[in-house]
Amino acid sequence: MDLLSIIGWGGSALVVVSLLQTRILRLRLLNLVGCVVLVGFNLAIPVWPMVGMNAVLAVINVVQLWRLLRHRHDDAEYAVLEVNSTDAYLGHVLTAHHKDISKFNPGFTSAASPYAFLVQHGERTVGVVLAHDAGEGRAQIDLDYVLPEYRDFTPGEFVYRRSDVFTDHGFHQVMAPPRMRDSTPYLTKLGFHRDGPNLVLNLPH
């Protein structure tokens, strides 16, 4: 097999692999790279209809990536809804994603989490944050879960930005989930700092 054929097959493989991704950002990036490779391949053959199609797809991917990254941390794109811990819809979300939640949070149970927040992107639920009262005005986060396709966008951050969802319950600090205490780049960006063995976020009064 010559080099040109390898490039063509490689580009096609990237496009196929991109469609198997659950994460939107990763899908768009891989699809863009695959399309660019196939533009070059079809220029070399040349097969002009395929050049045109892959060029258009590459432009679409660039536009979609720009939109995704532009609104990645935009408060206007996400809404935080507080719900009752016994809410039927919350229970449905947790049950539907139980396997994925258990994978990253072994032994997790929502029974000890009276505070529950849904993160919405338009009409879609993209994340769940659960917490309980740890005493001394601290809210302990039990679960910060994001649906796989939105995992590159960390929508849970909007719960922490909306400090009133915690201060309205009398909390002045939020403690990160135990499994996330080493996720310092993400948490530090949100204002969490080390306090003994915990990572905590001070809430404005």
Protein backbone atom coordinates (compact mmCIF):
# COMPACT_ATOMS: atom_id res chain seq x y z
CA MET A 1 0.00 0.00 0.00
CA ASP A 2 1.46 3.37 -1.03
CA LEU A 3 1.67 6.44 1.21
CA LEU A 4 -1.26 8.19 -0.46
CA SER A 5 -3.55 5.22 0.18
CA ILE A 6 -2.46 5.10 3.82
CA ILE A 7 -3.32 8.81 4.18
CA GLY A 8 -6.74 8.25 2.59
CA TRP A 9 -7.56 5.26 4.79
CA GLY A 10 -6.28 7.13 7.83
CA GLY A 11 -8.53 10.11 7.15
CA SER A 12 -11.54 7.82 6.63
CA ALA A 13 -10.73 5.98 9.89
CA LEU A 14 -10.63 9.28 11.80
CA VAL A 15 -14.06 10.26 10.49
CA VAL A 16 -15.50 6.88 11.52
CA VAL A 17 -13.84 7.00 14.96
CA SER A 18 -15.15 10.56 15.48
CA LEU A 19 -18.74 9.34 15.05
CA LEU A 20 -18.21 6.80 17.85
CA GLN A 21 -17.31 9.48 20.40
CA THR A 22 -19.78 10.38 23.16
CA ARG A 23 -18.07 13.70 23.93
CA ILE A 24 -19.22 16.45 21.57
CA LEU A 25 -15.94 18.38 21.61
CA ARG A 26 -13.83 15.30 20.88
CA LEU A 27 -16.23 14.27 18.09
CA ARG A 28 -15.92 17.65 16.37
CA LEU A 29 -12.13 17.77 16.70
CA LEU A 30 -11.54 14.27 15.31
CA ASN A 31 -14.06 14.82 12.54
CA LEU A 32 -12.34 18.08 11.58
CA VAL A 33 -8.91 16.43 11.40
CA GLY A 34 -10.33 13.56 9.35
CA CYS A 35 -12.03 15.93 6.92
CA VAL A 36 -8.85 18.00 6.46
CA VAL A 37 -6.85 14.83 5.74
CA LEU A 38 -9.46 13.71 3.21
CA VAL A 39 -9.44 17.12 1.51
CA GLY A 40 -5.70 16.69 0.92
CA PHE A 41 -6.13 13.09 -0.20
CA ASN A 42 -8.89 13.88 -2.69
CA LEU A 43 -6.96 16.87 -4.03
CA ALA A 44 -4.06 14.55 -4.78
CA ILE A 45 -6.18 11.96 -6.65
CA PRO A 46 -8.07 14.28 -7.68
CA VAL A 47 -11.76 13.67 -6.89
CA TRP A 48 -13.37 17.09 -6.83
CA PRO A 49 -16.83 16.20 -5.45
CA MET A 50 -15.15 14.61 -2.40
CA VAL A 51 -12.87 17.62 -2.02
CA GLY A 52 -15.92 19.88 -1.95
CA MET A 53 -17.87 17.69 0.49
CA ASN A 54 -15.00 17.33 2.98
CA ALA A 55 -14.13 21.03 2.72
CA VAL A 56 -17.71 21.96 3.61
CA LEU A 57 -17.74 19.47 6.50
CA ALA A 58 -14.46 20.90 7.78
CA VAL A 59 -15.92 24.43 7.75
CA ILE A 60 -19.03 23.19 9.59
CA ASN A 61 -16.81 21.57 12.24
CA VAL A 62 -14.78 24.77 12.66
CA VAL A 63 -17.95 26.83 13.14
CA GLN A 64 -19.40 24.34 15.63
CA LEU A 65 -16.14 24.17 17.58
CA TRP A 66 -16.03 27.96 17.75
CA ARG A 67 -19.57 28.04 19.12
CA LEU A 68 -18.88 25.28 21.64
CA LEU A 69 -15.69 26.87 22.97
CA ARG A 70 -17.09 30.40 22.92
CA HIS A 71 -19.95 29.44 25.26
CA ARG A 72 -18.00 26.92 27.32
CA HIS A 73 -18.05 29.09 30.46
CA ASP A 74 -21.02 31.31 29.56
CA ASP A 75 -23.52 31.68 32.40
CA ALA A 76 -26.26 32.43 29.88
CA GLU A 77 -25.90 28.95 28.36
CA TYR A 78 -26.63 27.02 31.54
CA ALA A 79 -29.26 27.20 34.27
CA VAL A 80 -29.10 25.71 37.77
CA LEU A 81 -32.33 24.30 39.18
CA GLU A 82 -32.64 23.27 42.80
CA VAL A 83 -34.94 20.27 43.25
CA ASN A 84 -36.11 18.15 46.14
CA SER A 85 -33.85 15.17 46.81
CA THR A 86 -36.90 12.92 46.38
CA ASP A 87 -37.87 14.51 43.05
CA ALA A 88 -39.02 11.85 40.57
CA TYR A 89 -37.14 13.37 37.64
CA LEU A 90 -33.90 13.56 39.65
CA GLY A 91 -34.37 9.89 40.54
CA HIS A 92 -34.86 9.07 36.87
CA VAL A 93 -31.62 10.87 35.88
CA LEU A 94 -29.63 9.10 38.59
CA THR A 95 -31.09 5.72 37.68
CA ALA A 96 -30.55 6.21 33.94
CA HIS A 97 -26.86 7.00 34.53
CA HIS A 98 -26.30 4.72 37.52
CA LYS A 99 -23.66 2.61 35.78
CA ASP A 100 -21.58 5.63 34.72
CA ILE A 101 -21.99 7.31 38.12
CA SER A 102 -20.90 4.14 39.94
CA LYS A 103 -17.85 3.83 37.70
CA PHE A 104 -16.45 7.13 38.97
CA ASN A 105 -18.12 7.13 42.41
CA PRO A 106 -17.97 3.57 43.83
CA GLY A 107 -20.44 3.04 46.64
CA PHE A 108 -22.29 6.29 45.95
CA THR A 109 -25.82 6.62 47.29
CA SER A 110 -28.01 9.70 47.10
CA ALA A 111 -29.76 8.85 50.39
CA ALA A 112 -27.52 11.18 52.44
CA SER A 113 -27.80 14.15 50.03
CA PRO A 114 -30.75 16.42 50.89
CA TYR A 115 -29.54 19.23 48.59
CA ALA A 116 -29.90 18.54 44.88
CA PHE A 117 -29.22 20.68 41.81
CA LEU A 118 -29.79 19.99 38.13
CA VAL A 119 -27.64 21.77 35.54
CA GLN A 120 -29.66 22.53 32.40
CA HIS A 121 -28.44 23.36 28.90
CA GLY A 122 -31.59 24.57 27.23
CA GLU A 123 -34.19 21.87 27.88
CA ARG A 124 -31.61 19.17 28.51
CA THR A 125 -30.23 18.07 31.88
CA VAL A 126 -26.43 17.86 31.51
CA GLY A 127 -25.28 17.58 35.10
CA VAL A 128 -26.26 16.78 38.70
CA VAL A 129 -24.75 18.11 41.92
CA LEU A 130 -25.74 16.61 45.27
CA ALA A 131 -24.66 17.81 48.72
CA HIS A 132 -25.28 17.49 52.44
CA ASP A 133 -24.71 19.62 55.52
CA ALA A 134 -21.25 18.85 56.95
CA GLY A 135 -21.73 21.19 59.92
CA GLU A 136 -20.12 24.52 60.79
CA GLY A 137 -21.71 26.18 57.77
CA ARG A 138 -20.09 23.83 55.26
CA ALA A 139 -21.81 22.03 52.39
CA GLN A 140 -20.13 18.75 51.43
CA ILE A 141 -20.53 17.92 47.75
CA ASP A 142 -21.39 14.23 47.43
CA LEU A 143 -21.73 14.08 43.66
CA ASP A 144 -20.65 16.32 40.79
CA TYR A 145 -21.78 14.34 37.76
CA VAL A 146 -21.77 15.43 34.12
CA LEU A 147 -23.23 13.49 31.20
CA PRO A 148 -20.42 11.99 29.05
CA GLU A 149 -21.11 14.17 26.00
CA TYR A 150 -20.74 17.36 28.07
CA ARG A 151 -17.77 16.23 30.14
CA ASP A 152 -15.36 18.56 28.30
CA PHE A 153 -17.44 21.57 29.39
CA THR A 154 -17.58 21.06 33.21
CA PRO A 155 -21.14 22.46 33.59
CA GLY A 156 -21.02 21.66 37.31
CA GLU A 157 -18.98 24.84 37.73
CA PHE A 158 -22.18 26.89 37.34
CA VAL A 159 -23.53 25.46 40.59
CA TYR A 160 -20.44 26.75 42.42
CA ARG A 161 -20.62 30.13 40.69
CA ARG A 162 -24.24 30.50 41.78
CA SER A 163 -23.25 30.87 45.42
CA ASP A 164 -26.82 31.82 46.42
CA VAL A 165 -27.96 28.22 45.97
CA PHE A 166 -25.79 27.45 49.01
CA THR A 167 -25.88 30.72 50.97
CA ASP A 168 -29.69 30.64 50.94
CA HIS A 169 -29.37 27.50 53.09
CA GLY A 170 -26.94 29.19 55.49
CA PHE A 171 -23.69 27.77 54.09
CA HIS A 172 -20.52 29.86 53.89
CA GLN A 173 -18.22 27.18 52.45
CA VAL A 174 -18.46 24.34 49.95
CA MET A 175 -16.21 21.28 50.25
CA ALA A 176 -15.21 19.42 47.08
CA PRO A 177 -16.16 15.74 46.71
CA PRO A 178 -13.47 13.43 48.17
CA ARG A 179 -12.71 11.88 44.76
CA MET A 180 -12.12 15.37 43.27
CA ARG A 181 -9.69 16.63 45.88
CA ASP A 182 -6.80 16.07 43.49
CA SER A 183 -8.59 17.85 40.59
CA THR A 184 -6.87 21.09 41.49
CA PRO A 185 -6.66 22.74 38.03
CA TYR A 186 -10.45 22.60 37.58
CA LEU A 187 -11.29 23.42 41.20
CA THR A 188 -8.60 26.07 41.67
CA LYS A 189 -9.99 27.92 38.66
CA LEU A 190 -13.32 28.06 40.45
CA GLY A 191 -11.77 29.46 43.63
CA PHE A 192 -11.30 26.31 45.71
CA HIS A 193 -8.30 26.25 48.01
CA ARG A 194 -6.63 23.75 50.32
CA ASP A 195 -7.87 23.66 53.91
CA GLY A 196 -6.23 20.73 55.67
CA PRO A 197 -7.23 17.55 53.83
CA ASN A 198 -10.09 19.32 52.06
CA LEU A 199 -10.51 21.61 49.08
CA VAL A 200 -12.99 24.33 50.00
CA LEU A 201 -14.69 27.26 48.31
CA ASN A 202 -15.48 30.33 50.39
CA LEU A 203 -18.87 31.77 49.51
CA PRO A 204 -19.51 35.53 49.47
CA HIS A 205 -21.63 36.79 52.36
